[in-house]
C-alpha atoms as a PDB file:
ATOM      1  CA  MET A   1     101.173 -75.104 151.251  1.00  0.00           C
ATOM      2  CA  TYR A   2     104.462 -77.005 152.506  1.00  0.00           C
ATOM      3  CA  LEU A   3     103.470 -77.343 155.846  1.00  0.00           C
ATOM      4  CA  ASN A   4     104.084 -80.994 156.471  1.00  0.00           C
ATOM      5  CA  GLU A   5     107.479 -80.408 155.045  1.00  0.00           C
ATOM      6  CA  ILE A   6     108.215 -77.326 156.713  1.00  0.00           C
ATOM      7  CA  ASP A   7     107.581 -79.017 159.964  1.00  0.00           C
ATOM      8  CA  PHE A   8     110.026 -82.232 159.138  1.00  0.00           C
ATOM      9  CA  ILE A   9     113.041 -80.055 157.875  1.00  0.00           C
ATOM     10  CA  LYS A  10     112.551 -77.701 161.258  1.00  0.00           C
ATOM     11  CA  ASP A  11     112.897 -80.906 163.103  1.00  0.00           C
ATOM     12  CA  ALA A  12     115.919 -82.178 160.955  1.00  0.00           C
ATOM     13  CA  LEU A  13     117.831 -78.724 160.950  1.00  0.00           C
ATOM     14  CA  LYS A  14     117.185 -78.481 165.033  1.00  0.00           C
ATOM     15  CA  GLU A  15     118.736 -81.968 164.999  1.00  0.00           C
ATOM     16  CA  ASP A  16     121.922 -80.884 163.076  1.00  0.00           C
ATOM     17  CA  ILE A  17     122.535 -77.327 163.988  1.00  0.00           C
ATOM     18  CA  GLY A  18     122.049 -77.277 167.421  1.00  0.00           C
ATOM     19  CA  ARG A  19     122.169 -74.435 169.639  1.00  0.00           C
ATOM     20  CA  GLY A  20     124.086 -72.896 166.661  1.00  0.00           C
ATOM     21  CA  ASP A  21     126.427 -73.640 163.662  1.00  0.00           C
ATOM     22  CA  LEU A  22     130.082 -72.567 164.915  1.00  0.00           C
ATOM     23  CA  PHE A  23     131.371 -71.903 161.516  1.00  0.00           C
ATOM     24  CA  SER A  24     128.790 -68.803 161.455  1.00  0.00           C
ATOM     25  CA  ARG A  25     129.589 -67.559 165.138  1.00  0.00           C
ATOM     26  CA  VAL A  26     133.549 -67.099 163.487  1.00  0.00           C
ATOM     27  CA  SER A  27     132.726 -66.069 159.936  1.00  0.00           C
ATOM     28  CA  LYS A  28     131.159 -62.561 158.106  1.00  0.00           C
ATOM     29  CA  PRO A  29     128.248 -63.777 156.236  1.00  0.00           C
ATOM     30  CA  LYS A  30     128.828 -63.475 152.100  1.00  0.00           C
ATOM     31  CA  ASP A  31     126.629 -64.105 149.091  1.00  0.00           C
ATOM     32  CA  ILE A  32     127.698 -67.466 147.610  1.00  0.00           C
ATOM     33  CA  SER A  33     126.712 -69.804 144.948  1.00  0.00           C
ATOM     34  CA  ALA A  34     126.929 -73.604 145.556  1.00  0.00           C
ATOM     35  CA  TYR A  35     124.882 -76.831 143.425  1.00  0.00           C
ATOM     36  CA  ILE A  36     124.422 -80.485 143.746  1.00  0.00           C
ATOM     37  CA  VAL A  37     126.116 -82.858 142.113  1.00  0.00           C
ATOM     38  CA  ALA A  38     125.376 -86.397 140.852  1.00  0.00           C
ATOM     39  CA  LYS A  39     128.031 -89.033 141.404  1.00  0.00           C
ATOM     40  CA  SER A  40     126.209 -91.820 140.727  1.00  0.00           C
ATOM     41  CA  ASP A  41     123.200 -92.444 138.581  1.00  0.00           C
ATOM     42  CA  GLY A  42     119.559 -92.176 140.091  1.00  0.00           C
ATOM     43  CA  VAL A  43     116.037 -91.220 139.690  1.00  0.00           C
ATOM     44  CA  PHE A  44     115.746 -87.889 141.288  1.00  0.00           C
ATOM     45  CA  ALA A  45     112.987 -86.933 144.428  1.00  0.00           C
ATOM     46  CA  GLY A  46     113.045 -84.247 147.071  1.00  0.00           C
ATOM     47  CA  GLU A  47     111.943 -81.296 145.496  1.00  0.00           C
ATOM     48  CA  ARG A  48     109.180 -80.778 147.745  1.00  0.00           C
ATOM     49  CA  TYR A  49     111.232 -81.007 150.422  1.00  0.00           C
ATOM     50  CA  LEU A  50     113.720 -78.669 149.040  1.00  0.00           C
ATOM     51  CA  LYS A  51     110.677 -76.058 148.561  1.00  0.00           C
ATOM     52  CA  ALA A  52     110.332 -75.670 152.148  1.00  0.00           C
ATOM     53  CA  PHE A  53     113.934 -74.652 152.593  1.00  0.00           C
ATOM     54  CA  GLU A  54     113.202 -72.020 150.546  1.00  0.00           C
ATOM     55  CA  ALA A  55     109.907 -71.310 152.666  1.00  0.00           C
ATOM     56  CA  LEU A  56     112.087 -71.346 155.648  1.00  0.00           C
ATOM     57  CA  PHE A  57     115.290 -69.003 154.678  1.00  0.00           C
ATOM     58  CA  SER A  58     114.354 -65.713 152.067  1.00  0.00           C
ATOM     59  CA  ASP A  59     118.141 -65.354 152.236  1.00  0.00           C
ATOM     60  CA  ILE A  60     118.448 -68.419 149.812  1.00  0.00           C
ATOM     61  CA  GLU A  61     117.444 -69.125 145.952  1.00  0.00           C
ATOM     62  CA  ILE A  62     117.142 -72.322 144.706  1.00  0.00           C
ATOM     63  CA  GLU A  63     117.137 -73.687 140.742  1.00  0.00           C
ATOM     64  CA  TYR A  64     116.024 -76.795 140.200  1.00  0.00           C
ATOM     65  CA  ASN A  65     117.858 -78.475 136.712  1.00  0.00           C
ATOM     66  CA  ILE A  66     115.724 -81.720 137.327  1.00  0.00           C
ATOM     67  CA  LYS A  67     112.203 -82.598 138.729  1.00  0.00           C
ATOM     68  CA  ASP A  68     110.882 -85.157 140.934  1.00  0.00           C
ATOM     69  CA  GLY A  69     110.987 -88.831 139.125  1.00  0.00           C
ATOM     70  CA  ASN A  70     113.108 -87.542 136.862  1.00  0.00           C
ATOM     71  CA  ASP A  71     117.104 -89.838 135.686  1.00  0.00           C
ATOM     72  CA  PHE A  72     120.104 -88.123 135.949  1.00  0.00           C
ATOM     73  CA  LYS A  73     123.355 -89.456 135.494  1.00  0.00           C
ATOM     74  CA  VAL A  74     126.855 -88.550 137.171  1.00  0.00           C
ATOM     75  CA  GLY A  75     128.173 -85.488 136.972  1.00  0.00           C
ATOM     76  CA  ASP A  76     124.601 -83.787 136.068  1.00  0.00           C
ATOM     77  CA  LYS A  77     124.220 -80.371 138.426  1.00  0.00           C
ATOM     78  CA  LEU A  78     120.925 -80.781 139.899  1.00  0.00           C
ATOM     79  CA  ILE A  79     120.270 -78.013 141.898  1.00  0.00           C
ATOM     80  CA  GLU A  80     121.721 -74.480 141.750  1.00  0.00           C
ATOM     81  CA  ILE A  81     121.637 -72.647 145.082  1.00  0.00           C
ATOM     82  CA  ARG A  82     122.980 -68.779 145.634  1.00  0.00           C
ATOM     83  CA  GLY A  83     122.680 -66.927 148.581  1.00  0.00           C
ATOM     84  CA  ASN A  84     123.365 -66.178 152.215  1.00  0.00           C
ATOM     85  CA  SER A  85     126.905 -68.341 153.208  1.00  0.00           C
ATOM     86  CA  HIS A  86     126.151 -69.046 156.755  1.00  0.00           C
ATOM     87  CA  ILE A  87     122.500 -70.055 155.375  1.00  0.00           C
ATOM     88  CA  ILE A  88     123.468 -72.485 152.891  1.00  0.00           C
ATOM     89  CA  LEU A  89     126.296 -74.453 154.725  1.00  0.00           C
ATOM     90  CA  SER A  90     124.647 -74.414 157.414  1.00  0.00           C
ATOM     91  CA  ILE A  91     121.898 -76.574 155.726  1.00  0.00           C
ATOM     92  CA  GLU A  92     124.020 -78.367 153.116  1.00  0.00           C
ATOM     93  CA  ARG A  93     124.162 -82.063 155.197  1.00  0.00           C
ATOM     94  CA  THR A  94     120.319 -81.733 156.213  1.00  0.00           C
ATOM     95  CA  MET A  95     119.511 -80.763 152.309  1.00  0.00           C
ATOM     96  CA  LEU A  96     121.757 -83.306 151.474  1.00  0.00           C
ATOM     97  CA  ASN A  97     120.559 -85.900 153.659  1.00  0.00           C
ATOM     98  CA  THR A  98     116.907 -85.186 152.559  1.00  0.00           C
ATOM     99  CA  VAL A  99     117.409 -85.463 149.163  1.00  0.00           C
ATOM    100  CA  LEU A 100     119.816 -88.662 149.198  1.00  0.00           C
ATOM    101  CA  HIS A 101     117.284 -90.458 151.258  1.00  0.00           C
ATOM    102  CA  ALA A 102     114.435 -89.883 148.759  1.00  0.00           C
ATOM    103  CA  SER A 103     116.570 -90.418 145.773  1.00  0.00           C
ATOM    104  CA  SER A 104     117.666 -93.692 146.984  1.00  0.00           C
ATOM    105  CA  ILE A 105     114.444 -94.939 147.296  1.00  0.00           C
ATOM    106  CA  ALA A 106     113.080 -93.789 144.145  1.00  0.00           C
ATOM    107  CA  THR A 107     115.678 -94.958 142.416  1.00  0.00           C
ATOM    108  CA  LEU A 108     115.287 -98.459 143.697  1.00  0.00           C
ATOM    109  CA  THR A 109     111.872 -98.138 142.937  1.00  0.00           C
ATOM    110  CA  ASN A 110     112.294 -97.451 139.295  1.00  0.00           C
ATOM    111  CA  LYS A 111     114.738-100.942 138.909  1.00  0.00           C
ATOM    112  CA  TYR A 112     111.424-102.855 140.067  1.00  0.00           C
ATOM    113  CA  ILE A 113     109.561-101.114 137.906  1.00  0.00           C
ATOM    114  CA  GLN A 114     111.603-101.371 134.856  1.00  0.00           C
ATOM    115  CA  LYS A 115     111.259-105.528 135.365  1.00  0.00           C
ATOM    116  CA  ILE A 116     107.340-105.287 135.650  1.00  0.00           C
ATOM    117  CA  LYS A 117     105.839-102.252 133.568  1.00  0.00           C
ATOM    118  CA  LYS A 118     105.162-104.399 130.558  1.00  0.00           C
ATOM    119  CA  TYR A 119     103.109-106.694 132.466  1.00  0.00           C
ATOM    120  CA  ASN A 120     100.960-103.579 133.655  1.00  0.00           C
ATOM    121  CA  VAL A 121     101.157-104.714 137.343  1.00  0.00           C
ATOM    122  CA  LYS A 122     101.346-102.031 140.032  1.00  0.00           C
ATOM    123  CA  LEU A 123     104.256-101.952 142.273  1.00  0.00           C
ATOM    124  CA  LEU A 124     102.783-100.911 146.188  1.00  0.00           C
ATOM    125  CA  ASP A 125     105.102-100.215 149.095  1.00  0.00           C
ATOM    126  CA  THR A 126     104.363-101.128 152.515  1.00  0.00           C
ATOM    127  CA  ARG A 127     103.986-100.146 156.209  1.00  0.00           C
ATOM    128  CA  LYS A 128     107.413-100.988 156.955  1.00  0.00           C
ATOM    129  CA  THR A 129     109.173 -97.578 157.141  1.00  0.00           C
ATOM    130  CA  ARG A 130     111.295 -95.700 159.910  1.00  0.00           C
ATOM    131  CA  PRO A 131     109.570 -94.120 162.408  1.00  0.00           C
ATOM    132  CA  HIS A 132     108.508 -90.415 161.410  1.00  0.00           C
ATOM    133  CA  LEU A 133     109.831 -90.916 158.112  1.00  0.00           C
ATOM    134  CA  ARG A 134     106.585 -92.401 156.485  1.00  0.00           C
ATOM    135  CA  GLU A 135     105.504 -89.303 154.523  1.00  0.00           C
ATOM    136  CA  LEU A 136     109.220 -88.883 153.220  1.00  0.00           C
ATOM    137  CA  GLU A 137     109.678 -92.623 152.353  1.00  0.00           C
ATOM    138  CA  LYS A 138     106.299 -93.128 150.838  1.00  0.00           C
ATOM    139  CA  TYR A 139     106.546 -89.844 148.588  1.00  0.00           C
ATOM    140  CA  ALA A 140     109.768 -91.034 147.485  1.00  0.00           C
ATOM    141  CA  ILE A 141     108.021 -94.182 146.391  1.00  0.00           C
ATOM    142  CA  ARG A 142     105.725 -92.144 144.367  1.00  0.00           C
ATOM    143  CA  CYS A 143     108.726 -90.504 142.576  1.00  0.00           C
ATOM    144  CA  GLY A 144     110.473 -93.787 141.337  1.00  0.00           C
ATOM    145  CA  GLY A 145     106.782 -94.984 139.966  1.00  0.00           C
ATOM    146  CA  GLY A 146     105.613 -96.867 142.340  1.00  0.00           C
ATOM    147  CA  ILE A 147     102.333 -96.900 143.985  1.00  0.00           C
ATOM    148  CA  ASN A 148     101.339 -96.143 147.794  1.00  0.00           C
ATOM    149  CA  HIS A 149      99.364 -99.382 149.908  1.00  0.00           C
ATOM    150  CA  ARG A 150      97.808 -98.242 152.958  1.00  0.00           C
ATOM    151  CA  MET A 151      99.434 -94.846 154.415  1.00  0.00           C
ATOM    152  CA  GLY A 152      98.209 -95.999 157.620  1.00  0.00           C
ATOM    153  CA  LEU A 153      95.483 -98.516 159.941  1.00  0.00           C
ATOM    154  CA  ASP A 154      93.211 -95.653 159.304  1.00  0.00           C
ATOM    155  CA  ASP A 155      92.634 -96.174 155.677  1.00  0.00           C
ATOM    156  CA  CYS A 156      92.452 -99.724 154.479  1.00  0.00           C
ATOM    157  CA  LEU A 157      91.229-102.708 156.938  1.00  0.00           C
ATOM    158  CA  MET A 158      93.913-105.492 156.258  1.00  0.00           C
ATOM    159  CA  LEU A 159      93.213-108.678 158.170  1.00  0.00           C
ATOM    160  CA  LYS A 160      96.959-110.277 158.328  1.00  0.00           C
ATOM    161  CA  ASP A 161      97.659-113.993 160.177  1.00  0.00           C
ATOM    162  CA  THR A 162      97.433-112.333 163.493  1.00  0.00           C
ATOM    163  CA  HIS A 163      94.326-110.736 163.191  1.00  0.00           C
ATOM    164  CA  LEU A 164      92.842-114.043 161.669  1.00  0.00           C
ATOM    165  CA  LYS A 165      93.607-115.921 164.458  1.00  0.00           C
ATOM    166  CA  THR A 166      91.227-113.498 166.688  1.00  0.00           C
ATOM    167  CA  ILE A 167      88.230-114.466 164.253  1.00  0.00           C
ATOM    168  CA  LYS A 168      85.888-117.653 164.630  1.00  0.00           C
ATOM    169  CA  ASP A 169      83.769-117.015 162.134  1.00  0.00           C
ATOM    170  CA  LEU A 170      85.255-114.612 158.940  1.00  0.00           C
ATOM    171  CA  LYS A 171      82.153-114.409 157.395  1.00  0.00           C
ATOM    172  CA  ALA A 172      79.859-113.103 160.181  1.00  0.00           C
ATOM    173  CA  PHE A 173      82.921-110.634 161.125  1.00  0.00           C
ATOM    174  CA  MET A 174      82.978-109.315 157.506  1.00  0.00           C
ATOM    175  CA  LYS A 175      79.376-108.592 157.875  1.00  0.00           C
ATOM    176  CA  GLU A 176      80.045-106.820 160.967  1.00  0.00           C
ATOM    177  CA  VAL A 177      82.860-104.645 159.597  1.00  0.00           C
ATOM    178  CA  ARG A 178      80.790-103.572 156.732  1.00  0.00           C
ATOM    179  CA  GLU A 179      78.151-101.878 158.961  1.00  0.00           C
ATOM    180  CA  LYS A 180      81.081-100.179 160.978  1.00  0.00           C
ATOM    181  CA  ILE A 181      83.920 -99.220 158.824  1.00  0.00           C
ATOM    182  CA  PRO A 182      83.691 -96.172 156.434  1.00  0.00           C
ATOM    183  CA  PHE A 183      81.657 -96.978 152.998  1.00  0.00           C
ATOM    184  CA  THR A 184      84.775 -95.976 151.049  1.00  0.00           C
ATOM    185  CA  SER A 185      87.038 -97.987 152.676  1.00  0.00           C
ATOM    186  CA  LYS A 186      88.464-101.704 151.205  1.00  0.00           C
ATOM    187  CA  VAL A 187      89.355-104.721 153.057  1.00  0.00           C
ATOM    188  CA  GLU A 188      92.191-107.011 152.692  1.00  0.00           C
ATOM    189  CA  ILE A 189      92.555-110.360 153.415  1.00  0.00           C
ATOM    190  CA  GLU A 190      96.255-111.725 153.683  1.00  0.00           C
ATOM    191  CA  CYS A 191      96.267-115.317 152.651  1.00  0.00           C
ATOM    192  CA  GLU A 192      98.954-117.933 152.633  1.00  0.00           C
ATOM    193  CA  SER A 193      97.247-121.194 150.968  1.00  0.00           C
ATOM    194  CA  ILE A 194      94.805-121.546 148.101  1.00  0.00           C
ATOM    195  CA  ASP A 195      91.867-122.953 150.823  1.00  0.00           C
ATOM    196  CA  GLU A 196      92.882-119.455 152.657  1.00  0.00           C
ATOM    197  CA  VAL A 197      91.968-117.726 149.202  1.00  0.00           C
ATOM    198  CA  LYS A 198      88.744-119.117 148.711  1.00  0.00           C
ATOM    199  CA  ASN A 199      87.472-118.231 151.854  1.00  0.00           C
ATOM    200  CA  ALA A 200      88.151-114.851 152.137  1.00  0.00           C
ATOM    201  CA  PHE A 201      86.809-114.805 148.045  1.00  0.00           C
ATOM    202  CA  GLU A 202      83.362-116.061 150.066  1.00  0.00           C
ATOM    203  CA  ALA A 203      83.561-113.901 152.831  1.00  0.00           C
ATOM    204  CA  GLY A 204      83.659-110.991 150.223  1.00  0.00           C
ATOM    205  CA  ALA A 205      87.192-109.290 150.679  1.00  0.00           C
ATOM    206  CA  ASP A 206      87.727-106.384 148.356  1.00  0.00           C
ATOM    207  CA  ILE A 207      91.550-107.471 148.252  1.00  0.00           C
ATOM    208  CA  VAL A 208      93.286-110.570 148.443  1.00  0.00           C
ATOM    209  CA  MET A 209      96.898-110.946 149.016  1.00  0.00           C
ATOM    210  CA  CYS A 210      98.753-113.992 148.195  1.00  0.00           C
ATOM    211  CA  ASP A 211     101.444-113.741 150.801  1.00  0.00           C
ATOM    212  CA  ASN A 212     104.538-116.153 150.420  1.00  0.00           C
ATOM    213  CA  MET A 213     102.675-118.233 147.967  1.00  0.00           C
ATOM    214  CA  ASP A 214     104.351-120.476 145.053  1.00  0.00           C
ATOM    215  CA  ILE A 215     104.313-119.177 142.058  1.00  0.00           C
ATOM    216  CA  SER A 216     101.924-121.993 140.640  1.00  0.00           C
ATOM    217  CA  ASP A 217      99.807-121.651 143.557  1.00  0.00           C
ATOM    218  CA  ILE A 218      99.202-117.820 142.672  1.00  0.00           C
ATOM    219  CA  ARG A 219      98.448-118.924 138.880  1.00  0.00           C
ATOM    220  CA  GLU A 220      96.069-120.843 140.123  1.00  0.00           C
ATOM    221  CA  VAL A 221      94.353-118.203 142.696  1.00  0.00           C
ATOM    222  CA  VAL A 222      94.399-115.579 139.788  1.00  0.00           C
ATOM    223  CA  HIS A 223      92.316-118.527 137.541  1.00  0.00           C
ATOM    224  CA  LEU A 224      89.900-118.821 140.471  1.00  0.00           C
ATOM    225  CA  ARG A 225      89.042-115.289 140.507  1.00  0.00           C
ATOM    226  CA  ASP A 226      89.188-114.697 136.855  1.00  0.00           C
ATOM    227  CA  ASN A 227      86.042-116.988 136.385  1.00  0.00           C
ATOM    228  CA  LYS A 228      84.210-116.562 139.589  1.00  0.00           C
ATOM    229  CA  TYR A 229      85.344-113.554 141.331  1.00  0.00           C
ATOM    230  CA  PRO A 230      86.436-110.775 138.735  1.00  0.00           C
ATOM    231  CA  HIS A 231      85.554-107.918 140.834  1.00  0.00           C
ATOM    232  CA  ILE A 232      88.352-108.711 143.425  1.00  0.00           C
ATOM    233  CA  LEU A 233      92.061-107.440 143.446  1.00  0.00           C
ATOM    234  CA  LEU A 234      94.922-109.448 143.855  1.00  0.00           C
ATOM    235  CA  GLU A 235      98.315-108.600 145.769  1.00  0.00           C
ATOM    236  CA  ALA A 236     100.891-110.839 145.615  1.00  0.00           C
ATOM    237  CA  SER A 237     103.758-110.081 148.403  1.00  0.00           C
ATOM    238  CA  GLY A 238     106.741-111.876 149.751  1.00  0.00           C
ATOM    239  CA  ASN A 239     110.108-113.181 148.992  1.00  0.00           C
ATOM    240  CA  VAL A 240     109.826-110.452 146.137  1.00  0.00           C
ATOM    241  CA  ASN A 241     113.414-108.795 145.603  1.00  0.00           C
ATOM    242  CA  LEU A 242     114.683-108.153 141.849  1.00  0.00           C
ATOM    243  CA  GLU A 243     115.540-111.417 140.769  1.00  0.00           C
ATOM    244  CA  THR A 244     111.656-112.833 141.738  1.00  0.00           C
ATOM    245  CA  ILE A 245     109.560-109.803 140.583  1.00  0.00           C
ATOM    246  CA  GLU A 246     109.075-110.784 136.943  1.00  0.00           C
ATOM    247  CA  ASP A 247     108.095-114.224 137.501  1.00  0.00           C
ATOM    248  CA  ILE A 248     105.394-112.986 140.372  1.00  0.00           C
ATOM    249  CA  ALA A 249     104.296-110.102 137.725  1.00  0.00           C
ATOM    250  CA  LYS A 250     103.811-113.188 134.826  1.00  0.00           C
ATOM    251  CA  THR A 251     101.050-114.669 136.940  1.00  0.00           C
ATOM    252  CA  GLY A 252      98.417-112.056 136.284  1.00  0.00           C
ATOM    253  CA  VAL A 253      98.105-110.213 139.564  1.00  0.00           C
ATOM    254  CA  ASP A 254      96.905-106.890 139.890  1.00  0.00           C
ATOM    255  CA  ALA A 255      99.968-105.543 142.213  1.00  0.00           C
ATOM    256  CA  ILE A 256     102.877-106.729 143.919  1.00  0.00           C
ATOM    257  CA  SER A 257     104.135-105.135 147.380  1.00  0.00           C
ATOM    258  CA  THR A 258     107.134-105.085 148.706  1.00  0.00           C
ATOM    259  CA  GLY A 259     109.116-103.228 151.731  1.00  0.00           C
ATOM    260  CA  SER A 260     112.316-103.671 150.066  1.00  0.00           C
ATOM    261  CA  THR A 261     111.991-100.385 148.069  1.00  0.00           C
ATOM    262  CA  ILE A 262     112.663 -98.438 151.004  1.00  0.00           C
ATOM    263  CA  HIS A 263     114.436-100.937 153.848  1.00  0.00           C
ATOM    264  CA  GLN A 264     116.997-102.199 150.950  1.00  0.00           C
ATOM    265  CA  ALA A 265     117.761 -98.717 148.877  1.00  0.00           C
ATOM    266  CA  CYS A 266     121.462 -98.120 149.429  1.00  0.00           C
ATOM    267  CA  TRP A 267     122.534 -94.285 149.020  1.00  0.00           C
ATOM    268  CA  ILE A 268     123.306 -93.149 146.162  1.00  0.00           C
ATOM    269  CA  ASP A 269     126.273 -90.384 145.763  1.00  0.00           C
ATOM    270  CA  LEU A 270     125.249 -86.868 145.503  1.00  0.00           C
ATOM    271  CA  SER A 271     127.566 -83.837 146.878  1.00  0.00           C
ATOM    272  CA  MET A 272     127.312 -80.025 147.321  1.00  0.00           C
ATOM    273  CA  LYS A 273     130.207 -77.963 145.934  1.00  0.00           C
ATOM    274  CA  VAL A 274     130.641 -74.133 146.541  1.00  0.00           C
ATOM    275  CA  VAL A 275     131.680 -72.091 143.099  1.00  0.00           C
ATOM    276  CA  GLU A 276     134.694 -70.229 144.411  1.00  0.00           C
END
C-alpha cells in the first residue's frame, strides 16, 4: 500500500544510520514513549510517510493526533510514538526531517490559498522540485490545499518558449501533436504577449499560460477567452508571491502556478521529546 513511501524512507534511513547507530551499540533497548510537539504554528503533512515507518518497524506504534491538512498551534502534540528505544531514537531525525519538510511546504501553500480562495482560482505547483523529492513535495502541496500541475514530462505536453523556438508552424505542429500524444493528454502553451496568446488560441491549445504578463494584459486575455474561446483554460505564472497573487486571482484566470510554495518554504519548528 505504501510501496513508494517505504522505498523513500528506506533510502533516507540508510543515509542517516549508515553502518549502525552507535548509541544502539552501547545501550540496552527498553520500551519508551515519545511525542512530536509543535514549536510553531503550521499545517500538517506527512501522515503517509509516518505510516511507512510503522510498516517497516513492527516494534513501534504511532498514534496520530492530527491528520494531513489540519492546522496546528504551538504546543500541540501531533504524534505519539511507543516502542523499542533503539528504533525510536535511530529514526527520530529522519522522521522529523520528513514531516518538517512536508509540513513546511503545506504551511506556505495554505498561506497562498487563504489569499485567493474567495476568487475560485486554483493554486498549482510546478516542476521546480528537488531531485528525488518530487512525490513528497507535491504531496505536501496537496496537504496545504494546492493542486498539482503535471508530475512530469509524460502527463501533459507543455510548449514553453524554448520549445516554441523550434516550431515554425504552430498550427501544423498541433495537428501532428493530436495524432501522436494520448487522447486524454492536454496541451498547454506558454505565452508572454497577447499576440502569442491569440496564436495559441487559434492553434487549438487546451490550456494557455500567461507567463510574466502585466495584470492589464491578463485581463485582456481573459476577456478574449471568455468571448471567443470559452473552452480554453487560462493559467497565470511568473512573479507570483504572497503580495501579488490576489491581484492575479482577480483577473479571472482559472489557475495560478508558482514554484515558490516549494522552493521558498522555510522550515517550521517541530521537535521530538521522550517521556521520562
